[in-house]
Structure formats: C-alpha cells, structure tokens
Amino acid sequence: MKLFKSRGLDILFNDSNLDYKGVFSYDIDYSNIINDNFIVQGICRSEEYFFISCYSKDRVNSRVYIYKDEFIKYVELDNNSHVGGITYCDKGYLFITEKNGKINCYKYSDFINGIVTKVDCNINISNELDGIVSAATLYYYDSYLYVCTCSYEGRMVRYKLSFSDGISIDEFKVYSNLPACIQGICVFKYMDNLYYLFSQSYSKSKSCIKLLDSNFEFLGQYISSFIGIEGIELDKSGNIIGIFEKNISHSVLFNISMLRGGLKSSLEKKYYIYGDIHQKKLDNLRKMTL
C-alpha cells in the first residue's frame, strides 16, 4: 500500500481500490532502441506486454518495440511520423499518433505477431481544434480516448468511442488551459473520482509529472533530475513508469506518493516558452508544405 499526500488530498493506493492494471515488476532497458538509432517517445502496457513507440531522424519508418521482461521484437510502422503517443485499448486495438493531428489504429492481435493491420478510426484532432496542431500523446481509458497537444497552452480532445461495428466516435469534448509541453498522459479513477497525470519536458528543461483532478485543478507534482521525459504509464499500486529521450537508456519508476510539490514559476515559464517555440515550428512547417 502507498499513501499519497498532495495539497490536502490523502489517498491510500493498493491493489483493490485503484482502478487500473497490474503491478510493474521490472524496468525496461531500451538501449537497443538507441543502438538502432531511434528515439523513444510513447509507452503503454497491455495485459502481457510493454510497447514503446519511437522514430528516427533518418526519416525511415517509425517503429514500436515490444517487451516482456526483456525485448521481444519490433514492428515497423507504415509511416515515419514522430509517434509521440501509443495506447492500448482492451477492445483489441493499439492507437498511435501520426502527423497533423491524425491518430492511427492497429489490430492488437496482428500487431504482436508482427503484422501491421490498420483499422479505420477517423480520429484527427485538427478537425476539432483551431490552428496548426499536432497530436503529442494519447491515452485510452474506459471507452474514452484522450489526445493531447504539446504547445504553450495544453489542449486535449476527449473522444467517446464505440466498437459495435468497427470504431466510431459517439461524441467529443475539447479541454483547454492544460499544462504546457505535455509529453505523456495517464487517466485513472480512485473512489469514483477521475484523475489525470501529465508528463512535461522540452529540450533541456527539467522533466515533471503533474497530478490534476477531474476539474484540472493542480494537486501536486514531481520534478525529476532526468531531462527529456516522454510517455508514462501507471500501475494499480500507484507506480508510474516513465521513459526518457535524452541521456539514459532505461525506464524510471516513480510512485504517485512523490507528487507532493507545488508549482515552480520559473519552470512553468520555461515550459510556456518552449511550448511557444514548438508551436511556431509547427506553424512554419505547415507553411512550407502549403
């Protein structure tokens, strides 16, 4: 059991009262991804495997590396996108971010056998958000797909999905004024209350994991000594596994009890500045392709 205390909120996490997946039993050594000249981005877990999405600056097709205690295989995708986010859907799918706000969906049973079978899902946050956007990360939880941007103002589109006849969008909702420079997201419930975890980083700024409640009120954060945090995943004991695109070659395990600190104005300012730089890069890139 883990006691989480943050800004007056006390939560006791154990295997029975946190609505989530099983306990992480190991860290992931992803040095093989680095040796293959790829850069880690997103992480997710199914009942059996961990998946890490990654891209290459050499503009070859992006990949997803599969682990179970140790490296199993990699699957080459059908595009060379940044693939900043990957999430497992217990209906039998993997969702992965692509370019220009688009989300790709793949059949899970084929994917783990090295077969890339794309499923039409018709999800693209550029249809719901103004301006030039990129889907930085995403997360599937309880029939909803949450897709976030990485900018000076964090935005998120929540899609309610149905799976009766393929994948269809029943409704969507847009959220704004979220943290800047979002790189990873987890969503979970405790005692019927919804919570969000957001990882933040950009360039050489410090990495951070923030906890927000269902109204996106700040509850606490942990600032890591490692830079470049990307995707995160959560287990039912409150352990958060994070991967980093800079300096280290293995996952890092945090616990939600570590998210006790308050906001740091200097770091928030850096995230805003870096988020603005990233948004301008997106704007310029789109202008070049028009």
C-alpha atoms as a PDB file:
ATOM      1  CA  MET A   1       0.000   0.000   0.000  1.00  0.00           C
ATOM      2  CA  LYS A   2       1.124   3.532  -0.776  1.00  0.00           C
ATOM      3  CA  LEU A   3      -0.152   6.675   0.943  1.00  0.00           C
ATOM      4  CA  PHE A   4      -0.350   9.594  -1.439  1.00  0.00           C
ATOM      5  CA  LYS A   5      -0.431  13.060   0.128  1.00  0.00           C
ATOM      6  CA  SER A   6      -0.663  16.163  -2.013  1.00  0.00           C
ATOM      7  CA  ARG A   7      -2.099  19.566  -1.145  1.00  0.00           C
ATOM      8  CA  GLY A   8      -4.550  18.209   1.369  1.00  0.00           C
ATOM      9  CA  LEU A   9      -5.571  15.154  -0.639  1.00  0.00           C
ATOM     10  CA  ASP A  10      -4.740  11.822   1.024  1.00  0.00           C
ATOM     11  CA  ILE A  11      -5.212   8.645  -0.985  1.00  0.00           C
ATOM     12  CA  LEU A  12      -4.279   5.127   0.037  1.00  0.00           C
ATOM     13  CA  PHE A  13      -3.337   3.121  -3.050  1.00  0.00           C
ATOM     14  CA  ASN A  14      -3.474  -0.640  -3.033  1.00  0.00           C
ATOM     15  CA  ASP A  15      -4.379  -3.452  -5.381  1.00  0.00           C
ATOM     16  CA  SER A  16      -8.093  -3.314  -4.585  1.00  0.00           C
ATOM     17  CA  ASN A  17      -9.018   0.361  -4.618  1.00  0.00           C
ATOM     18  CA  LEU A  18      -7.168   1.766  -7.635  1.00  0.00           C
ATOM     19  CA  ASP A  19      -8.994   1.023 -10.864  1.00  0.00           C
ATOM     20  CA  TYR A  20      -6.096   0.105 -13.102  1.00  0.00           C
ATOM     21  CA  LYS A  21      -3.746  -2.516 -14.491  1.00  0.00           C
ATOM     22  CA  GLY A  22      -1.363  -4.889 -12.727  1.00  0.00           C
ATOM     23  CA  VAL A  23       1.831  -4.004 -10.888  1.00  0.00           C
ATOM     24  CA  PHE A  24       5.045  -3.224 -12.764  1.00  0.00           C
ATOM     25  CA  SER A  25       7.636  -5.842 -11.872  1.00  0.00           C
ATOM     26  CA  TYR A  26      10.626  -4.554 -13.813  1.00  0.00           C
ATOM     27  CA  ASP A  27      12.233  -1.584 -15.516  1.00  0.00           C
ATOM     28  CA  ILE A  28      12.765  -1.619 -19.265  1.00  0.00           C
ATOM     29  CA  ASP A  29      16.228  -1.459 -20.780  1.00  0.00           C
ATOM     30  CA  TYR A  30      15.644   0.209 -24.150  1.00  0.00           C
ATOM     31  CA  SER A  31      19.300   0.669 -25.071  1.00  0.00           C
ATOM     32  CA  ASN A  32      18.608  -1.479 -28.145  1.00  0.00           C
ATOM     33  CA  ILE A  33      16.322   1.288 -29.451  1.00  0.00           C
ATOM     34  CA  ILE A  34      19.104   3.832 -29.047  1.00  0.00           C
ATOM     35  CA  ASN A  35      21.625   1.480 -30.659  1.00  0.00           C
ATOM     36  CA  ASP A  36      19.268   1.174 -33.633  1.00  0.00           C
ATOM     37  CA  ASN A  37      19.394   4.982 -33.939  1.00  0.00           C
ATOM     38  CA  PHE A  38      15.781   5.501 -32.894  1.00  0.00           C
ATOM     39  CA  ILE A  39      14.362   7.914 -30.309  1.00  0.00           C
ATOM     40  CA  VAL A  40      11.828   6.713 -27.715  1.00  0.00           C
ATOM     41  CA  GLN A  41       8.518   8.548 -27.460  1.00  0.00           C
ATOM     42  CA  GLY A  42       5.442   6.766 -26.125  1.00  0.00           C
ATOM     43  CA  ILE A  43       4.896   3.838 -23.802  1.00  0.00           C
ATOM     44  CA  CYS A  44       1.886   1.702 -22.968  1.00  0.00           C
ATOM     45  CA  ARG A  45       1.107  -1.659 -21.472  1.00  0.00           C
ATOM     46  CA  SER A  46      -1.342  -4.412 -22.334  1.00  0.00           C
ATOM     47  CA  GLU A  47      -2.083  -7.411 -20.118  1.00  0.00           C
ATOM     48  CA  GLU A  48       1.114  -9.093 -21.348  1.00  0.00           C
ATOM     49  CA  TYR A  49       3.480  -6.618 -22.960  1.00  0.00           C
ATOM     50  CA  PHE A  50       5.004  -3.155 -22.850  1.00  0.00           C
ATOM     51  CA  PHE A  51       5.131  -1.194 -26.101  1.00  0.00           C
ATOM     52  CA  ILE A  52       7.487   1.723 -26.841  1.00  0.00           C
ATOM     53  CA  SER A  53       6.919   3.854 -29.926  1.00  0.00           C
ATOM     54  CA  CYS A  54       9.947   5.544 -31.497  1.00  0.00           C
ATOM     55  CA  TYR A  55      11.058   7.441 -34.576  1.00  0.00           C
ATOM     56  CA  SER A  56      14.316   8.001 -36.438  1.00  0.00           C
ATOM     57  CA  LYS A  57      15.816  11.258 -37.630  1.00  0.00           C
ATOM     58  CA  ASP A  58      16.967   9.335 -40.701  1.00  0.00           C
ATOM     59  CA  ARG A  59      13.328   9.517 -41.903  1.00  0.00           C
ATOM     60  CA  VAL A  60      12.939   5.774 -42.137  1.00  0.00           C
ATOM     61  CA  ASN A  61       9.665   4.276 -40.942  1.00  0.00           C
ATOM     62  CA  SER A  62       8.895   4.568 -37.247  1.00  0.00           C
ATOM     63  CA  ARG A  63       8.792   1.509 -35.013  1.00  0.00           C
ATOM     64  CA  VAL A  64       7.166   0.010 -31.958  1.00  0.00           C
ATOM     65  CA  TYR A  65       9.384  -2.149 -29.729  1.00  0.00           C
ATOM     66  CA  ILE A  66       7.702  -4.876 -27.691  1.00  0.00           C
ATOM     67  CA  TYR A  67       8.973  -6.068 -24.296  1.00  0.00           C
ATOM     68  CA  LYS A  68       8.037  -8.799 -21.846  1.00  0.00           C
ATOM     69  CA  ASP A  69      10.648  -8.924 -19.081  1.00  0.00           C
ATOM     70  CA  GLU A  70      13.061  -8.411 -21.958  1.00  0.00           C
ATOM     71  CA  PHE A  71      12.980  -7.312 -25.592  1.00  0.00           C
ATOM     72  CA  ILE A  72      10.738  -9.476 -27.806  1.00  0.00           C
ATOM     73  CA  LYS A  73      10.633  -7.826 -31.237  1.00  0.00           C
ATOM     74  CA  TYR A  74       9.999  -4.580 -33.024  1.00  0.00           C
ATOM     75  CA  VAL A  75       7.247  -3.826 -35.511  1.00  0.00           C
ATOM     76  CA  GLU A  76       7.873  -1.381 -38.341  1.00  0.00           C
ATOM     77  CA  LEU A  77       5.007   1.024 -38.886  1.00  0.00           C
ATOM     78  CA  ASP A  78       3.600   2.255 -42.183  1.00  0.00           C
ATOM     79  CA  ASN A  79       4.791   5.851 -41.697  1.00  0.00           C
ATOM     80  CA  ASN A  80       7.780   7.884 -40.453  1.00  0.00           C
ATOM     81  CA  SER A  81       5.873  10.108 -38.022  1.00  0.00           C
ATOM     82  CA  HIS A  82       7.061  11.321 -34.625  1.00  0.00           C
ATOM     83  CA  VAL A  83       4.714   8.739 -32.979  1.00  0.00           C
ATOM     84  CA  GLY A  84       4.732  10.644 -29.693  1.00  0.00           C
ATOM     85  CA  GLY A  85       1.989   8.547 -28.135  1.00  0.00           C
ATOM     86  CA  ILE A  86       0.814   4.946 -28.061  1.00  0.00           C
ATOM     87  CA  THR A  87      -2.012   3.435 -26.024  1.00  0.00           C
ATOM     88  CA  TYR A  88      -3.593   0.027 -25.654  1.00  0.00           C
ATOM     89  CA  CYS A  89      -7.361  -0.430 -25.948  1.00  0.00           C
ATOM     90  CA  ASP A  90      -8.797  -3.541 -24.290  1.00  0.00           C
ATOM     91  CA  LYS A  91     -11.211  -3.913 -27.202  1.00  0.00           C
ATOM     92  CA  GLY A  92      -8.265  -5.280 -29.167  1.00  0.00           C
ATOM     93  CA  TYR A  93      -6.533  -2.230 -30.629  1.00  0.00           C
ATOM     94  CA  LEU A  94      -3.447  -0.052 -30.387  1.00  0.00           C
ATOM     95  CA  PHE A  95      -3.831   3.677 -31.059  1.00  0.00           C
ATOM     96  CA  ILE A  96      -0.713   5.584 -32.185  1.00  0.00           C
ATOM     97  CA  THR A  97      -0.299   9.262 -33.025  1.00  0.00           C
ATOM     98  CA  GLU A  98       0.678  10.262 -36.547  1.00  0.00           C
ATOM     99  CA  LYS A  99       1.207  13.585 -38.347  1.00  0.00           C
ATOM    100  CA  ASN A 100      -1.002  16.684 -38.366  1.00  0.00           C
ATOM    101  CA  GLY A 101      -3.252  15.546 -35.524  1.00  0.00           C
ATOM    102  CA  LYS A 102      -4.115  12.184 -37.039  1.00  0.00           C
ATOM    103  CA  ILE A 103      -4.495   9.017 -34.959  1.00  0.00           C
ATOM    104  CA  ASN A 104      -3.816   5.569 -36.405  1.00  0.00           C
ATOM    105  CA  CYS A 105      -5.375   2.399 -35.077  1.00  0.00           C
ATOM    106  CA  TYR A 106      -3.958  -1.107 -35.428  1.00  0.00           C
ATOM    107  CA  LYS A 107      -5.364  -4.548 -34.669  1.00  0.00           C
ATOM    108  CA  TYR A 108      -3.632  -5.742 -31.495  1.00  0.00           C
ATOM    109  CA  SER A 109      -3.692  -9.499 -32.179  1.00  0.00           C
ATOM    110  CA  ASP A 110      -1.946  -8.983 -35.521  1.00  0.00           C
ATOM    111  CA  PHE A 111       0.456  -6.372 -34.190  1.00  0.00           C
ATOM    112  CA  ILE A 112       2.006  -8.611 -31.531  1.00  0.00           C
ATOM    113  CA  ASN A 113       2.669 -11.125 -34.315  1.00  0.00           C
ATOM    114  CA  GLY A 114       4.490  -8.508 -36.363  1.00  0.00           C
ATOM    115  CA  ILE A 115       1.619  -7.816 -38.769  1.00  0.00           C
ATOM    116  CA  VAL A 116       0.540  -4.200 -39.268  1.00  0.00           C
ATOM    117  CA  THR A 117      -3.218  -4.215 -39.828  1.00  0.00           C
ATOM    118  CA  LYS A 118      -4.633  -0.710 -39.857  1.00  0.00           C
ATOM    119  CA  VAL A 119      -8.209  -0.154 -38.715  1.00  0.00           C
ATOM    120  CA  ASP A 120     -10.184   2.893 -39.805  1.00  0.00           C
ATOM    121  CA  CYS A 121     -10.969   5.102 -36.807  1.00  0.00           C
ATOM    122  CA  ASN A 122     -11.326   8.545 -38.441  1.00  0.00           C
ATOM    123  CA  ILE A 123      -9.796  10.417 -35.479  1.00  0.00           C
ATOM    124  CA  ASN A 124      -7.921  13.643 -36.134  1.00  0.00           C
ATOM    125  CA  ILE A 125      -7.729  16.433 -33.552  1.00  0.00           C
ATOM    126  CA  SER A 126      -7.204  19.015 -36.310  1.00  0.00           C
ATOM    127  CA  ASN A 127     -10.903  18.551 -37.034  1.00  0.00           C
ATOM    128  CA  GLU A 128     -11.765  19.698 -33.517  1.00  0.00           C
ATOM    129  CA  LEU A 129      -9.047  22.252 -32.694  1.00  0.00           C
ATOM    130  CA  ASP A 130      -8.293  25.608 -34.285  1.00  0.00           C
ATOM    131  CA  GLY A 131      -4.861  26.417 -35.687  1.00  0.00           C
ATOM    132  CA  ILE A 132      -1.979  24.120 -36.584  1.00  0.00           C
ATOM    133  CA  VAL A 133      -1.947  21.181 -34.196  1.00  0.00           C
ATOM    134  CA  SER A 134      -0.024  18.004 -33.602  1.00  0.00           C
ATOM    135  CA  ALA A 135      -1.139  15.021 -31.523  1.00  0.00           C
ATOM    136  CA  ALA A 136       1.684  14.756 -28.984  1.00  0.00           C
ATOM    137  CA  THR A 137       0.366  11.893 -26.878  1.00  0.00           C
ATOM    138  CA  LEU A 138      -2.790   9.936 -26.148  1.00  0.00           C
ATOM    139  CA  TYR A 139      -4.435   7.568 -23.692  1.00  0.00           C
ATOM    140  CA  TYR A 140      -7.375   5.160 -23.791  1.00  0.00           C
ATOM    141  CA  TYR A 141      -9.428   4.679 -20.643  1.00  0.00           C
ATOM    142  CA  ASP A 142     -12.974   3.474 -20.012  1.00  0.00           C
ATOM    143  CA  SER A 143     -14.320   3.922 -23.577  1.00  0.00           C
ATOM    144  CA  TYR A 144     -12.670   7.340 -23.967  1.00  0.00           C
ATOM    145  CA  LEU A 145      -9.607   8.271 -25.997  1.00  0.00           C
ATOM    146  CA  TYR A 146      -7.739  11.326 -24.694  1.00  0.00           C
ATOM    147  CA  VAL A 147      -5.461  13.094 -27.194  1.00  0.00           C
ATOM    148  CA  CYS A 148      -3.195  15.980 -26.108  1.00  0.00           C
ATOM    149  CA  THR A 149      -1.163  18.674 -27.808  1.00  0.00           C
ATOM    150  CA  CYS A 150       2.324  19.899 -26.904  1.00  0.00           C
ATOM    151  CA  SER A 151       2.288  23.687 -27.029  1.00  0.00           C
ATOM    152  CA  TYR A 152       2.405  26.798 -24.823  1.00  0.00           C
ATOM    153  CA  GLU A 153      -1.231  26.046 -23.964  1.00  0.00           C
ATOM    154  CA  GLY A 154      -2.036  22.416 -23.447  1.00  0.00           C
ATOM    155  CA  ARG A 155      -5.205  21.283 -25.189  1.00  0.00           C
ATOM    156  CA  MET A 156      -6.921  17.921 -25.165  1.00  0.00           C
ATOM    157  CA  VAL A 157      -9.702  16.288 -27.119  1.00  0.00           C
ATOM    158  CA  ARG A 158     -11.632  13.531 -25.397  1.00  0.00           C
ATOM    159  CA  TYR A 159     -13.400  11.131 -27.745  1.00  0.00           C
ATOM    160  CA  LYS A 160     -16.089   8.735 -26.603  1.00  0.00           C
ATOM    161  CA  LEU A 161     -15.705   5.652 -28.774  1.00  0.00           C
ATOM    162  CA  SER A 162     -17.981   2.742 -29.583  1.00  0.00           C
ATOM    163  CA  PHE A 163     -16.897  -0.600 -31.001  1.00  0.00           C
ATOM    164  CA  SER A 164     -20.124  -2.316 -32.035  1.00  0.00           C
ATOM    165  CA  ASP A 165     -19.400  -2.025 -35.755  1.00  0.00           C
ATOM    166  CA  GLY A 166     -15.747  -1.107 -36.152  1.00  0.00           C
ATOM    167  CA  ILE A 167     -14.645   2.054 -34.342  1.00  0.00           C
ATOM    168  CA  SER A 168     -16.855   5.135 -34.321  1.00  0.00           C
ATOM    169  CA  ILE A 169     -16.882   8.450 -32.465  1.00  0.00           C
ATOM    170  CA  ASP A 170     -20.028   8.966 -30.412  1.00  0.00           C
ATOM    171  CA  GLU A 171     -19.053  12.424 -29.165  1.00  0.00           C
ATOM    172  CA  PHE A 172     -16.053  14.576 -28.352  1.00  0.00           C
ATOM    173  CA  LYS A 173     -15.149  17.351 -25.936  1.00  0.00           C
ATOM    174  CA  VAL A 174     -12.319  19.890 -26.078  1.00  0.00           C
ATOM    175  CA  TYR A 175     -10.347  20.980 -22.995  1.00  0.00           C
ATOM    176  CA  SER A 176      -8.013  23.988 -22.910  1.00  0.00           C
ATOM    177  CA  ASN A 177      -5.678  25.733 -20.465  1.00  0.00           C
ATOM    178  CA  LEU A 178      -3.890  22.495 -19.599  1.00  0.00           C
ATOM    179  CA  PRO A 179      -0.160  22.279 -18.790  1.00  0.00           C
ATOM    180  CA  ALA A 180       2.310  23.379 -21.469  1.00  0.00           C
ATOM    181  CA  CYS A 181       4.679  20.930 -23.170  1.00  0.00           C
ATOM    182  CA  ILE A 182       2.645  17.791 -22.500  1.00  0.00           C
ATOM    183  CA  GLN A 183       4.563  14.662 -23.496  1.00  0.00           C
ATOM    184  CA  GLY A 184       2.609  11.879 -21.782  1.00  0.00           C
ATOM    185  CA  ILE A 185      -0.749  11.288 -20.121  1.00  0.00           C
ATOM    186  CA  CYS A 186      -2.408   8.734 -17.847  1.00  0.00           C
ATOM    187  CA  VAL A 187      -6.039   8.733 -16.725  1.00  0.00           C
ATOM    188  CA  PHE A 188      -7.349   6.763 -13.758  1.00  0.00           C
ATOM    189  CA  LYS A 189     -10.114   6.624 -11.173  1.00  0.00           C
ATOM    190  CA  TYR A 190      -9.874   6.402  -7.424  1.00  0.00           C
ATOM    191  CA  MET A 191     -13.050   6.087  -5.329  1.00  0.00           C
ATOM    192  CA  ASP A 192     -15.084   7.003  -8.437  1.00  0.00           C
ATOM    193  CA  ASN A 193     -13.134  10.246  -8.899  1.00  0.00           C
ATOM    194  CA  LEU A 194     -11.195  10.859 -12.107  1.00  0.00           C
ATOM    195  CA  TYR A 195      -7.558  11.995 -12.079  1.00  0.00           C
ATOM    196  CA  TYR A 196      -5.001  12.931 -14.732  1.00  0.00           C
ATOM    197  CA  LEU A 197      -1.243  12.511 -14.822  1.00  0.00           C
ATOM    198  CA  PHE A 198       0.689  14.653 -17.310  1.00  0.00           C
ATOM    199  CA  SER A 199       4.409  14.407 -18.042  1.00  0.00           C
ATOM    200  CA  GLN A 200       6.164  17.561 -19.252  1.00  0.00           C
ATOM    201  CA  SER A 201       9.523  18.259 -20.832  1.00  0.00           C
ATOM    202  CA  TYR A 202      11.127  20.011 -23.764  1.00  0.00           C
ATOM    203  CA  SER A 203      14.733  20.462 -24.836  1.00  0.00           C
ATOM    204  CA  LYS A 204      16.946  20.823 -21.732  1.00  0.00           C
ATOM    205  CA  SER A 205      14.178  21.795 -19.310  1.00  0.00           C
ATOM    206  CA  LYS A 206      13.629  19.598 -16.268  1.00  0.00           C
ATOM    207  CA  SER A 207      11.139  16.776 -16.503  1.00  0.00           C
ATOM    208  CA  CYS A 208       7.957  16.943 -14.488  1.00  0.00           C
ATOM    209  CA  ILE A 209       4.941  14.758 -13.703  1.00  0.00           C
ATOM    210  CA  LYS A 210       1.802  16.624 -12.632  1.00  0.00           C
ATOM    211  CA  LEU A 211      -1.366  15.316 -10.979  1.00  0.00           C
ATOM    212  CA  LEU A 212      -4.670  17.083 -11.717  1.00  0.00           C
ATOM    213  CA  ASP A 213      -8.192  16.292 -10.599  1.00  0.00           C
ATOM    214  CA  SER A 214     -11.242  15.910 -12.821  1.00  0.00           C
ATOM    215  CA  ASN A 215     -11.626  19.697 -12.987  1.00  0.00           C
ATOM    216  CA  PHE A 216      -7.940  20.026 -13.954  1.00  0.00           C
ATOM    217  CA  GLU A 217      -7.094  21.589 -10.603  1.00  0.00           C
ATOM    218  CA  PHE A 218      -3.439  21.115  -9.688  1.00  0.00           C
ATOM    219  CA  LEU A 219      -2.855  18.636  -6.842  1.00  0.00           C
ATOM    220  CA  GLY A 220       0.884  18.046  -6.876  1.00  0.00           C
ATOM    221  CA  GLN A 221       3.947  17.341  -8.996  1.00  0.00           C
ATOM    222  CA  TYR A 222       7.335  15.691  -9.022  1.00  0.00           C
ATOM    223  CA  ILE A 223      10.325  17.223 -10.796  1.00  0.00           C
ATOM    224  CA  SER A 224      12.836  14.632 -11.991  1.00  0.00           C
ATOM    225  CA  SER A 225      16.588  15.056 -12.186  1.00  0.00           C
ATOM    226  CA  PHE A 226      16.451  13.395 -15.613  1.00  0.00           C
ATOM    227  CA  ILE A 227      15.613  15.553 -18.621  1.00  0.00           C
ATOM    228  CA  GLY A 228      13.505  14.558 -21.618  1.00  0.00           C
ATOM    229  CA  ILE A 229      10.626  12.588 -20.112  1.00  0.00           C
ATOM    230  CA  GLU A 230       8.211  11.316 -22.746  1.00  0.00           C
ATOM    231  CA  GLY A 231       5.497   8.701 -22.280  1.00  0.00           C
ATOM    232  CA  ILE A 232       4.284   7.484 -18.890  1.00  0.00           C
ATOM    233  CA  GLU A 233       2.211   4.541 -17.682  1.00  0.00           C
ATOM    234  CA  LEU A 234       0.594   3.783 -14.315  1.00  0.00           C
ATOM    235  CA  ASP A 235       0.005   0.559 -12.396  1.00  0.00           C
ATOM    236  CA  LYS A 236      -2.547  -0.255  -9.694  1.00  0.00           C
ATOM    237  CA  SER A 237      -0.090   0.327  -6.855  1.00  0.00           C
ATOM    238  CA  GLY A 238       0.481   3.932  -7.897  1.00  0.00           C
ATOM    239  CA  ASN A 239       3.789   3.270  -9.637  1.00  0.00           C
ATOM    240  CA  ILE A 240       4.494   5.462 -12.654  1.00  0.00           C
ATOM    241  CA  ILE A 241       6.920   4.200 -15.272  1.00  0.00           C
ATOM    242  CA  GLY A 242       8.481   6.865 -17.472  1.00  0.00           C
ATOM    243  CA  ILE A 243      10.769   6.796 -20.496  1.00  0.00           C
ATOM    244  CA  PHE A 244      13.256   9.489 -21.492  1.00  0.00           C
ATOM    245  CA  GLU A 245      14.592  10.516 -24.876  1.00  0.00           C
ATOM    246  CA  LYS A 246      17.802  12.043 -23.501  1.00  0.00           C
ATOM    247  CA  ASN A 247      20.862  10.770 -21.628  1.00  0.00           C
ATOM    248  CA  ILE A 248      19.530   7.497 -20.189  1.00  0.00           C
ATOM    249  CA  SER A 249      18.595   4.182 -21.797  1.00  0.00           C
ATOM    250  CA  HIS A 250      16.164   2.631 -19.337  1.00  0.00           C
ATOM    251  CA  SER A 251      12.767   3.387 -17.878  1.00  0.00           C
ATOM    252  CA  VAL A 252      12.486   5.095 -14.487  1.00  0.00           C
ATOM    253  CA  LEU A 253       9.971   4.121 -11.822  1.00  0.00           C
ATOM    254  CA  PHE A 254       8.289   6.787  -9.704  1.00  0.00           C
ATOM    255  CA  ASN A 255       5.480   6.460  -7.196  1.00  0.00           C
ATOM    256  CA  ILE A 256       2.478   8.714  -7.055  1.00  0.00           C
ATOM    257  CA  SER A 257       3.348   9.438  -3.412  1.00  0.00           C
ATOM    258  CA  MET A 258       6.269  11.502  -4.765  1.00  0.00           C
ATOM    259  CA  LEU A 259       3.912  14.034  -6.391  1.00  0.00           C
ATOM    260  CA  ARG A 260       3.749  16.416  -3.443  1.00  0.00           C
ATOM    261  CA  GLY A 261       5.494  19.553  -4.637  1.00  0.00           C
ATOM    262  CA  GLY A 262       3.953  22.869  -5.575  1.00  0.00           C
ATOM    263  CA  LEU A 263       4.226  24.737  -8.849  1.00  0.00           C
ATOM    264  CA  LYS A 264       7.571  26.340  -9.733  1.00  0.00           C
ATOM    265  CA  SER A 265       7.018  29.618 -11.562  1.00  0.00           C
ATOM    266  CA  SER A 266      10.419  29.568 -13.267  1.00  0.00           C
ATOM    267  CA  LEU A 267       9.844  26.072 -14.647  1.00  0.00           C
ATOM    268  CA  GLU A 268       6.307  26.904 -15.754  1.00  0.00           C
ATOM    269  CA  LYS A 269       7.688  29.895 -17.629  1.00  0.00           C
ATOM    270  CA  LYS A 270      10.231  27.670 -19.392  1.00  0.00           C
ATOM    271  CA  TYR A 271       7.513  25.230 -20.431  1.00  0.00           C
ATOM    272  CA  TYR A 272       5.478  28.101 -21.841  1.00  0.00           C
ATOM    273  CA  ILE A 273       8.459  29.478 -23.787  1.00  0.00           C
ATOM    274  CA  TYR A 274       9.430  26.060 -25.143  1.00  0.00           C
ATOM    275  CA  GLY A 275       5.803  25.313 -25.971  1.00  0.00           C
ATOM    276  CA  ASP A 276       5.623  28.551 -27.934  1.00  0.00           C
ATOM    277  CA  ILE A 277       8.807  27.617 -29.815  1.00  0.00           C
ATOM    278  CA  HIS A 278       7.349  24.204 -30.650  1.00  0.00           C
ATOM    279  CA  GLN A 279       4.096  25.745 -31.860  1.00  0.00           C
ATOM    280  CA  LYS A 280       5.971  28.144 -34.129  1.00  0.00           C
ATOM    281  CA  LYS A 281       7.895  25.198 -35.584  1.00  0.00           C
ATOM    282  CA  LEU A 282       4.594  23.505 -36.394  1.00  0.00           C
ATOM    283  CA  ASP A 283       3.236  26.694 -37.959  1.00  0.00           C
ATOM    284  CA  ASN A 284       6.343  27.180 -40.112  1.00  0.00           C
ATOM    285  CA  LEU A 285       6.416  23.536 -41.162  1.00  0.00           C
ATOM    286  CA  ARG A 286       2.820  23.713 -42.314  1.00  0.00           C
ATOM    287  CA  LYS A 287       3.509  26.889 -44.303  1.00  0.00           C
ATOM    288  CA  MET A 288       6.386  25.143 -46.082  1.00  0.00           C
ATOM    289  CA  THR A 289       4.114  22.289 -47.157  1.00  0.00           C
ATOM    290  CA  LEU A 290       1.314  24.505 -48.497  1.00  0.00           C
END
